[in-house]
């Protein structure tokens, strides 16, 4: 997802949840970093990260930078960082300006490394050999863990960025770990902290209303009794979807709906009650059951690499997104849409660009009409769902039938671009 689209979405949400706006700039940072890079990761380090993440998290992503040649993503990553800095400054009216100046300075250092010497990224920040990292939400608080050989180098860079941006910060000690703290919002008080541990540096938010134990758990300083690791969430996702060890994660739709409706205790529901009481108090008795039933039919969106390897001097990767569907019959029906992908477009033949689309036109009409009919036939008593149902409206199957007739026999298409010649007259 392009960074500007993410920021636009966060800004719209921020107008409705003013107390949550401080979360947006860290989310933008993570979208930029994880969207630009990923690689095979160290299971032992990542297991520790999973132990820190609460089981009711809305989203969790883990990966590494080490196994992907920096030349394949550094340029795009640097460009995204510049976009992030621009968007961060647009949020100054809603947040304390000091943390934005500090983070912008820190991001510029990161972008400079990507532009000038991307191969030195690990040594510049003294990251561990696999350069492991994990991002998740603890309630509504974004948390980013970075594995390091020693925290001293990042600490020095943070101190320098704070000095160059003239950004004051407080130093504290949480459970024997040094912590740098910035005030982001004064009412309700939200702080941004960087926690330095011997082999891990953690960036994240906390609230003054948190108990000390809650704050420690947010930053991986106290054990999480019910975690992503103890539930085996990532292991199940990897097994079910065939992901290799690399960047992978999930968005939990069911947890999000449950927190918005406040139907069960969760860290997200508790943070909503603190930062956005209007949303937390929005009880819809007639809709709770039906919204939960809808979410249960598609509980998770997952993503991960299915291929990630160096072979014959080439780097080969394949990233895949999956929407989990509880309706097995519907899932099998959607699978019939898979058509043929031409070999020339999906194998490396030194193309500049290749695109391929596989779609079985003969399956299109029965699949679409089946889904459309199921939506139209659903018996909702919730006004909101009834309105959404009305937006779908009746379907003209005749138009779709004509379209599929014109595409009769279509199974797929591909395109490969091998060379570009630029005329001097242009």
Protein backbone atom coordinates (compact mmCIF):
# COMPACT_ATOMS: atom_id res chain seq x y z
CA UNK A 1 0.00 0.00 0.00
CA UNK A 2 1.51 3.41 -0.96
CA UNK A 3 2.56 5.49 2.03
CA UNK A 4 0.33 8.44 1.06
CA UNK A 5 -2.71 6.15 1.04
CA UNK A 6 -1.82 4.88 4.51
CA UNK A 7 -1.44 8.43 5.80
CA UNK A 8 -4.75 9.49 4.22
CA UNK A 9 -6.52 6.59 5.91
CA UNK A 10 -4.89 7.33 9.27
CA UNK A 11 -5.79 10.99 8.98
CA UNK A 12 -9.45 10.17 8.37
CA UNK A 13 -9.43 7.85 11.37
CA UNK A 14 -7.66 10.50 13.41
CA UNK A 15 -10.49 12.96 12.92
CA UNK A 16 -12.81 10.42 14.51
CA UNK A 17 -10.36 9.28 17.19
CA UNK A 18 -8.35 12.38 18.09
CA UNK A 19 -6.66 10.69 21.00
CA UNK A 20 -5.25 8.04 18.66
CA UNK A 21 -3.54 10.40 16.20
CA UNK A 22 -0.11 10.01 17.82
CA UNK A 23 -0.12 6.37 16.69
CA UNK A 24 -0.15 7.36 13.03
CA UNK A 25 3.45 8.47 12.65
CA UNK A 26 4.89 5.24 14.06
CA UNK A 27 2.53 3.25 11.83
CA UNK A 28 3.81 5.22 8.84
CA UNK A 29 7.39 4.44 9.84
CA UNK A 30 6.67 0.72 10.09
CA UNK A 31 4.81 0.62 6.76
CA UNK A 32 7.83 2.28 5.20
CA UNK A 33 10.43 -0.01 6.76
CA UNK A 34 8.65 -3.34 6.49
CA UNK A 35 7.17 -2.47 3.12
CA UNK A 36 10.65 -1.83 1.74
CA UNK A 37 12.43 -4.93 2.95
CA UNK A 38 12.21 -8.41 4.38
CA UNK A 39 14.24 -11.60 4.50
CA UNK A 40 14.86 -14.98 6.08
CA UNK A 41 14.89 -14.61 9.83
CA UNK A 42 16.33 -16.21 12.97
CA UNK A 43 13.71 -18.46 14.63
CA UNK A 44 15.23 -18.11 18.13
CA UNK A 45 15.17 -14.31 18.10
CA UNK A 46 11.74 -14.18 16.53
CA UNK A 47 10.39 -16.58 19.13
CA UNK A 48 11.38 -14.02 21.77
CA UNK A 49 9.55 -11.30 19.85
CA UNK A 50 6.45 -13.52 19.63
CA UNK A 51 6.60 -14.05 23.40
CA UNK A 52 6.41 -10.27 23.88
CA UNK A 53 3.34 -9.82 21.64
CA UNK A 54 -0.08 -10.25 23.30
CA UNK A 55 -2.31 -12.96 21.85
CA UNK A 56 -5.12 -10.43 21.25
CA UNK A 57 -2.97 -8.16 19.08
CA UNK A 58 -4.69 -6.74 16.00
CA UNK A 59 -1.61 -7.24 13.85
CA UNK A 60 1.82 -8.85 14.09
CA UNK A 61 4.66 -8.88 11.53
CA UNK A 62 8.17 -10.27 11.79
CA UNK A 63 11.12 -10.52 9.42
CA UNK A 64 14.72 -9.65 8.68
CA UNK A 65 16.83 -7.56 6.33
CA UNK A 66 19.92 -9.74 6.03
CA UNK A 67 19.00 -12.27 3.34
CA UNK A 68 17.85 -9.78 0.70
CA UNK A 69 20.55 -7.90 -1.25
CA UNK A 70 20.17 -4.22 -0.27
CA UNK A 71 20.43 -3.20 -3.93
CA UNK A 72 17.00 -4.78 -4.54
CA UNK A 73 15.14 -2.51 -2.11
CA UNK A 74 17.39 0.33 -0.88
CA UNK A 75 16.36 2.84 -3.56
CA UNK A 76 12.63 2.27 -3.00
CA UNK A 77 13.17 2.31 0.76
CA UNK A 78 14.97 5.66 0.61
CA UNK A 79 12.16 7.16 -1.48
CA UNK A 80 9.53 5.93 0.99
CA UNK A 81 11.44 7.43 3.91
CA UNK A 82 11.33 10.86 2.22
CA UNK A 83 7.56 10.49 1.86
CA UNK A 84 7.29 9.55 5.53
CA UNK A 85 9.18 12.65 6.62
CA UNK A 86 6.89 14.88 4.55
CA UNK A 87 3.79 13.27 6.01
CA UNK A 88 5.14 13.45 9.55
CA UNK A 89 5.51 17.21 9.31
CA UNK A 90 1.87 17.44 8.20
CA UNK A 91 0.91 16.04 11.63
CA UNK A 92 2.60 18.81 13.64
CA UNK A 93 -0.71 20.52 14.29
CA UNK A 94 -2.00 17.44 16.12
CA UNK A 95 1.12 16.35 18.03
CA UNK A 96 3.89 17.88 20.06
CA UNK A 97 6.37 19.08 17.39
CA UNK A 98 9.54 17.95 19.20
CA UNK A 99 9.12 14.18 18.69
CA UNK A 100 8.35 14.77 14.98
CA UNK A 101 11.56 16.76 14.51
CA UNK A 102 13.51 14.08 16.32
CA UNK A 103 12.04 11.22 14.31
CA UNK A 104 12.54 13.11 11.05
CA UNK A 105 16.22 13.53 11.88
CA UNK A 106 16.55 9.84 12.72
CA UNK A 107 14.80 8.88 9.48
CA UNK A 108 17.08 11.11 7.42
CA UNK A 109 20.07 9.24 8.84
CA UNK A 110 18.43 5.96 7.79
CA UNK A 111 17.69 7.31 4.28
CA UNK A 112 21.27 8.54 3.90
CA UNK A 113 22.62 5.07 4.65
CA UNK A 114 20.25 3.52 2.12
CA UNK A 115 21.32 6.01 -0.56
CA UNK A 116 25.07 6.03 0.00
CA UNK A 117 26.04 2.64 1.42
CA UNK A 118 23.08 0.23 1.84
CA UNK A 119 25.44 -2.72 2.43
CA UNK A 120 26.61 -1.05 5.65
CA UNK A 121 23.11 -0.86 7.16
CA UNK A 122 23.80 -3.65 9.65
CA UNK A 123 27.12 -2.21 10.83
CA UNK A 124 25.77 1.36 10.95
CA UNK A 125 23.15 0.34 13.53
CA UNK A 126 25.07 -2.68 14.89
CA UNK A 127 22.17 -4.99 14.08
CA UNK A 128 22.45 -8.71 14.75
CA UNK A 129 23.61 -11.02 11.94
CA UNK A 130 20.09 -11.67 10.61
CA UNK A 131 18.92 -8.10 11.26
CA UNK A 132 15.69 -9.38 12.82
CA UNK A 133 12.77 -7.13 13.68
CA UNK A 134 9.11 -7.43 14.66
CA UNK A 135 6.21 -5.02 14.67
CA UNK A 136 2.84 -5.41 16.40
CA UNK A 137 0.13 -3.52 18.25
CA UNK A 138 -0.11 -3.92 22.01
CA UNK A 139 -3.67 -2.70 22.37
CA UNK A 140 -3.48 0.43 20.21
CA UNK A 141 0.21 1.06 20.92
CA UNK A 142 2.60 0.35 18.01
CA UNK A 143 5.68 -1.58 19.16
CA UNK A 144 8.82 -2.17 17.05
CA UNK A 145 11.57 -4.54 18.25
CA UNK A 146 14.99 -4.51 16.58
CA UNK A 147 17.62 -7.17 17.38
CA UNK A 148 21.14 -5.78 17.89
CA UNK A 149 24.60 -6.99 18.88
CA UNK A 150 24.74 -4.07 21.30
CA UNK A 151 22.35 -1.14 21.85
CA UNK A 152 25.21 1.37 22.14
CA UNK A 153 25.34 2.35 18.46
CA UNK A 154 21.60 3.07 18.16
CA UNK A 155 21.77 4.92 21.48
CA UNK A 156 24.54 7.15 20.14
CA UNK A 157 22.54 7.85 16.96
CA UNK A 158 19.42 8.63 19.00
CA UNK A 159 21.35 11.04 21.22
CA UNK A 160 22.86 12.74 18.16
CA UNK A 161 19.44 13.01 16.45
CA UNK A 162 17.95 14.54 19.61
CA UNK A 163 20.81 17.05 19.78
CA UNK A 164 20.62 17.99 16.08
CA UNK A 165 16.83 18.43 16.23
CA UNK A 166 17.01 20.30 19.55
CA UNK A 167 14.57 17.78 21.02
CA UNK A 168 14.69 17.33 24.81
CA UNK A 169 13.95 13.95 26.31
CA UNK A 170 13.87 12.34 29.73
CA UNK A 171 15.96 9.39 30.82
CA UNK A 172 14.43 6.71 33.01
CA UNK A 173 15.16 3.16 34.10
CA UNK A 174 12.52 0.45 33.70
CA UNK A 175 13.41 -2.93 35.17
CA UNK A 176 17.16 -2.28 34.82
CA UNK A 177 16.79 -1.08 31.21
CA UNK A 178 17.74 2.46 30.15
CA UNK A 179 14.82 4.33 28.56
CA UNK A 180 14.54 7.60 26.62
CA UNK A 181 11.08 9.21 26.87
CA UNK A 182 9.29 11.95 24.91
CA UNK A 183 5.88 13.50 25.64
CA UNK A 184 3.69 13.21 22.53
CA UNK A 185 0.26 14.23 23.85
CA UNK A 186 -0.36 15.82 27.22
CA UNK A 187 -4.07 15.03 27.64
CA UNK A 188 -4.65 12.13 27.74
CA UNK A 189 -0.95 11.71 28.34
CA UNK A 190 0.77 9.57 25.70
CA UNK A 191 4.50 9.07 25.65
CA UNK A 192 6.96 7.68 23.12
CA UNK A 193 9.83 5.61 24.48
CA UNK A 194 12.98 3.87 23.26
CA UNK A 195 14.08 1.01 25.51
CA UNK A 196 17.68 -0.24 25.36
CA UNK A 197 18.32 -3.86 26.33
CA UNK A 198 21.55 -5.85 25.83
CA UNK A 199 20.51 -7.41 22.49
CA UNK A 200 17.32 -5.54 21.66
CA UNK A 201 16.13 -1.97 21.12
CA UNK A 202 12.38 -1.32 21.31
CA UNK A 203 10.45 1.69 20.02
CA UNK A 204 6.85 2.25 21.09
CA UNK A 205 4.07 4.17 22.83
CA UNK A 206 2.79 4.01 26.37
CA UNK A 207 0.07 5.80 28.33
CA UNK A 208 0.32 7.45 31.72
CA UNK A 209 -2.81 5.52 32.69
CA UNK A 210 -0.93 2.22 32.26
CA UNK A 211 0.16 0.34 35.35
CA UNK A 212 3.94 -0.19 35.53
CA UNK A 213 3.45 -3.87 34.67
CA UNK A 214 1.37 -2.99 31.60
CA UNK A 215 4.06 -0.58 30.39
CA UNK A 216 6.80 -3.17 30.95
CA UNK A 217 4.83 -5.76 29.02
CA UNK A 218 4.28 -3.34 26.14
CA UNK A 219 8.04 -3.04 25.73
CA UNK A 220 9.02 -6.66 26.34
CA UNK A 221 10.38 -6.06 29.85
CA UNK A 222 7.89 -8.37 31.58
CA UNK A 223 6.50 -11.72 30.39
CA UNK A 224 3.21 -11.81 28.49
CA UNK A 225 1.19 -14.71 29.94
CA UNK A 226 -0.98 -15.10 26.83
CA UNK A 227 1.13 -14.35 23.77
CA UNK A 228 1.32 -14.88 20.01
CA UNK A 229 3.95 -17.53 20.77
CA UNK A 230 1.92 -19.42 23.39
CA UNK A 231 -1.09 -19.51 21.05
CA UNK A 232 1.05 -20.77 18.17
CA UNK A 233 -0.56 -18.18 15.88
CA UNK A 234 2.40 -17.66 13.55
CA UNK A 235 3.24 -21.37 13.45
CA UNK A 236 -0.32 -22.15 12.36
CA UNK A 237 -0.25 -19.42 9.71
CA UNK A 238 3.07 -20.66 8.36
CA UNK A 239 1.87 -24.25 8.18
CA UNK A 240 -1.52 -23.49 6.63
CA UNK A 241 -0.22 -21.10 3.98
CA UNK A 242 3.17 -22.57 3.16
CA UNK A 243 5.20 -19.50 4.12
CA UNK A 244 8.95 -19.87 4.41
CA UNK A 245 10.86 -18.28 7.29
CA UNK A 246 10.88 -14.64 6.26
CA UNK A 247 8.58 -11.67 6.49
CA UNK A 248 5.16 -12.90 7.52
CA UNK A 249 2.30 -11.77 9.68
CA UNK A 250 -1.40 -11.12 9.98
CA UNK A 251 -4.23 -8.66 10.52
CA UNK A 252 -6.89 -10.05 12.89
CA UNK A 253 -10.29 -8.88 11.61
CA UNK A 254 -12.19 -10.76 14.31
CA UNK A 255 -10.23 -9.08 17.12
CA UNK A 256 -10.78 -5.67 15.55
CA UNK A 257 -14.55 -6.12 15.30
CA UNK A 258 -14.73 -7.46 18.84
CA UNK A 259 -12.77 -4.49 20.19
CA UNK A 260 -14.87 -1.93 18.30
CA UNK A 261 -18.06 -3.49 19.63
CA UNK A 262 -16.50 -3.92 23.09
CA UNK A 263 -18.09 -7.36 23.40
CA UNK A 264 -15.18 -8.97 25.27
CA UNK A 265 -12.24 -7.72 27.38
CA UNK A 266 -9.09 -7.10 25.36
CA UNK A 267 -6.12 -4.74 25.39
CA UNK A 268 -7.47 -2.98 22.31
CA UNK A 269 -10.90 -2.48 23.88
CA UNK A 270 -9.26 -1.09 27.04
CA UNK A 271 -7.17 1.39 25.02
CA UNK A 272 -10.23 2.46 23.03
CA UNK A 273 -12.04 3.20 26.29
CA UNK A 274 -9.10 5.38 27.37
CA UNK A 275 -8.26 7.21 24.14
CA UNK A 276 -11.61 7.28 22.32
CA UNK A 277 -14.53 6.94 24.77
CA UNK A 278 -17.15 7.71 22.10
CA UNK A 279 -16.16 4.69 20.02
CA UNK A 280 -15.71 2.47 23.06
CA UNK A 281 -19.16 3.41 24.34
CA UNK A 282 -20.81 2.76 21.01
CA UNK A 283 -22.92 -0.26 21.88
CA UNK A 284 -25.07 -1.76 19.13
CA UNK A 285 -27.02 -4.59 20.78
CA UNK A 286 -28.94 -5.39 17.60
CA UNK A 287 -25.73 -5.51 15.57
CA UNK A 288 -23.14 -7.12 17.84
CA UNK A 289 -24.03 -10.71 17.04
CA UNK A 290 -24.31 -10.14 13.30
CA UNK A 291 -21.09 -8.14 13.01
CA UNK A 292 -19.26 -10.87 14.92
CA UNK A 293 -20.76 -13.52 12.66
CA UNK A 294 -19.55 -11.63 9.57
CA UNK A 295 -16.04 -11.27 11.03
CA UNK A 296 -15.95 -14.96 11.97
CA UNK A 297 -16.41 -15.86 8.29
CA UNK A 298 -13.15 -14.08 7.37
CA UNK A 299 -11.16 -13.86 10.61
CA UNK A 300 -7.63 -13.21 9.34
CA UNK A 301 -5.67 -11.59 6.55
CA UNK A 302 -2.18 -13.09 6.37
CA UNK A 303 0.87 -12.43 4.26
CA UNK A 304 4.30 -13.96 3.80
CA UNK A 305 7.01 -15.21 1.47
CA UNK A 306 6.48 -18.55 -0.24
CA UNK A 307 9.86 -18.36 -1.94
CA UNK A 308 12.98 -16.59 -0.78
CA UNK A 309 16.31 -17.85 -2.09
CA UNK A 310 19.49 -17.07 -3.99
CA UNK A 311 19.98 -19.37 -6.97
CA UNK A 312 22.52 -19.27 -9.82
CA UNK A 313 23.45 -15.69 -9.06
CA UNK A 314 19.82 -14.58 -8.96
CA UNK A 315 17.55 -13.62 -6.09
CA UNK A 316 14.12 -15.26 -6.30
CA UNK A 317 11.17 -14.29 -4.12
CA UNK A 318 7.41 -14.69 -4.09
CA UNK A 319 5.18 -12.89 -1.60
CA UNK A 320 1.56 -13.93 -1.12
CA UNK A 321 -1.51 -12.50 0.64
CA UNK A 322 -4.29 -14.73 1.96
CA UNK A 323 -7.77 -13.99 3.28
CA UNK A 324 -8.85 -16.81 5.58
CA UNK A 325 -12.40 -17.93 4.87
CA UNK A 326 -14.36 -20.07 7.32
CA UNK A 327 -16.67 -21.23 4.49
CA UNK A 328 -14.71 -24.08 2.92
CA UNK A 329 -17.19 -24.47 0.05
CA UNK A 330 -16.85 -20.78 -0.84
CA UNK A 331 -13.08 -21.04 -0.66
CA UNK A 332 -13.07 -23.97 -3.09
CA UNK A 333 -15.40 -22.07 -5.39
CA UNK A 334 -13.07 -19.06 -5.48
CA UNK A 335 -10.14 -21.35 -6.27
CA UNK A 336 -11.81 -22.29 -9.56
CA UNK A 337 -11.10 -18.75 -10.78
CA UNK A 338 -7.39 -19.58 -11.01
CA UNK A 339 -6.37 -19.64 -14.65
CA UNK A 340 -3.06 -20.10 -16.45
CA UNK A 341 0.07 -17.99 -15.96
CA UNK A 342 2.37 -18.10 -19.01
CA UNK A 343 5.86 -19.37 -18.26
CA UNK A 344 7.62 -16.53 -20.06
CA UNK A 345 6.11 -14.03 -17.63
CA UNK A 346 6.77 -15.89 -14.39
CA UNK A 347 10.33 -17.15 -15.02
CA UNK A 348 13.42 -14.96 -14.88
CA UNK A 349 14.59 -14.33 -18.43
CA UNK A 350 16.31 -11.02 -17.67
CA UNK A 351 13.17 -8.98 -18.29
CA UNK A 352 12.88 -5.42 -17.05
CA UNK A 353 9.25 -6.04 -16.06
CA UNK A 354 6.82 -8.96 -16.25
CA UNK A 355 3.10 -9.05 -15.52
CA UNK A 356 0.74 -12.02 -15.62
CA UNK A 357 -2.93 -12.61 -14.92
CA UNK A 358 -4.55 -16.03 -14.59
CA UNK A 359 -8.35 -16.06 -14.73
CA UNK A 360 -10.68 -18.84 -15.86
CA UNK A 361 -13.48 -16.96 -17.64
CA UNK A 362 -15.79 -19.99 -17.53
CA UNK A 363 -15.78 -19.94 -13.72
CA UNK A 364 -16.40 -16.20 -13.44
CA UNK A 365 -20.21 -16.21 -13.83
CA UNK A 366 -21.04 -19.00 -11.34
CA UNK A 367 -18.59 -17.68 -8.72
CA UNK A 368 -19.67 -14.03 -8.87
CA UNK A 369 -23.37 -14.83 -9.06
CA UNK A 370 -23.05 -17.22 -6.11
CA UNK A 371 -21.37 -14.63 -3.91
CA UNK A 372 -23.77 -11.89 -4.99
CA UNK A 373 -26.80 -14.07 -4.31
CA UNK A 374 -25.48 -15.01 -0.86
CA UNK A 375 -25.10 -11.32 0.07
CA UNK A 376 -28.56 -10.44 -1.24
CA UNK A 377 -30.20 -13.38 0.53
CA UNK A 378 -28.61 -12.73 3.94
CA UNK A 379 -31.23 -11.82 6.54
CA UNK A 380 -29.78 -8.94 8.59
CA UNK A 381 -31.62 -7.15 11.36
CA UNK A 382 -28.76 -4.69 11.99
CA UNK A 383 -29.47 -1.33 10.25
CA UNK A 384 -25.81 -0.82 9.35
CA UNK A 385 -25.53 -4.20 7.65
CA UNK A 386 -28.85 -3.63 5.92
CA UNK A 387 -27.49 -0.38 4.49
CA UNK A 388 -24.37 -2.14 3.24
CA UNK A 389 -26.55 -4.84 1.72
CA UNK A 390 -28.58 -2.17 -0.08
CA UNK A 391 -25.39 -0.66 -1.52
CA UNK A 392 -24.61 -3.98 -3.19
CA UNK A 393 -28.05 -3.91 -4.78
CA UNK A 394 -29.51 -6.29 -7.33
CA UNK A 395 -27.15 -7.78 -9.88
CA UNK A 396 -27.73 -7.88 -13.62
CA UNK A 397 -26.44 -11.36 -14.45
CA UNK A 398 -27.17 -10.73 -18.14
CA UNK A 399 -24.41 -8.15 -18.38
CA UNK A 400 -21.93 -10.50 -16.72
CA UNK A 401 -23.05 -13.36 -19.00
CA UNK A 402 -22.35 -11.23 -22.08
CA UNK A 403 -18.93 -10.28 -20.73
CA UNK A 404 -17.94 -13.89 -20.04
CA UNK A 405 -19.21 -14.91 -23.48
CA UNK A 406 -16.86 -12.38 -25.07
CA UNK A 407 -14.04 -13.83 -22.97
CA UNK A 408 -14.92 -17.44 -23.75
CA UNK A 409 -11.85 -19.65 -23.53
CA UNK A 410 -9.78 -16.96 -21.78
CA UNK A 411 -7.43 -18.56 -19.24
CA UNK A 412 -4.77 -15.94 -18.68
CA UNK A 413 -2.41 -13.40 -20.18
CA UNK A 414 1.12 -12.16 -19.67
CA UNK A 415 3.49 -9.39 -20.67
CA UNK A 416 7.27 -9.11 -20.50
CA UNK A 417 9.33 -5.97 -21.15
CA UNK A 418 12.92 -6.72 -22.18
CA UNK A 419 14.27 -3.40 -23.40
CA UNK A 420 13.46 0.31 -23.62
CA UNK A 421 14.81 2.59 -26.33
CA UNK A 422 14.59 6.32 -25.70
CA UNK A 423 14.56 8.59 -28.72
CA UNK A 424 16.71 11.72 -28.73
CA UNK A 425 13.68 13.69 -29.87
CA UNK A 426 11.80 13.03 -26.62
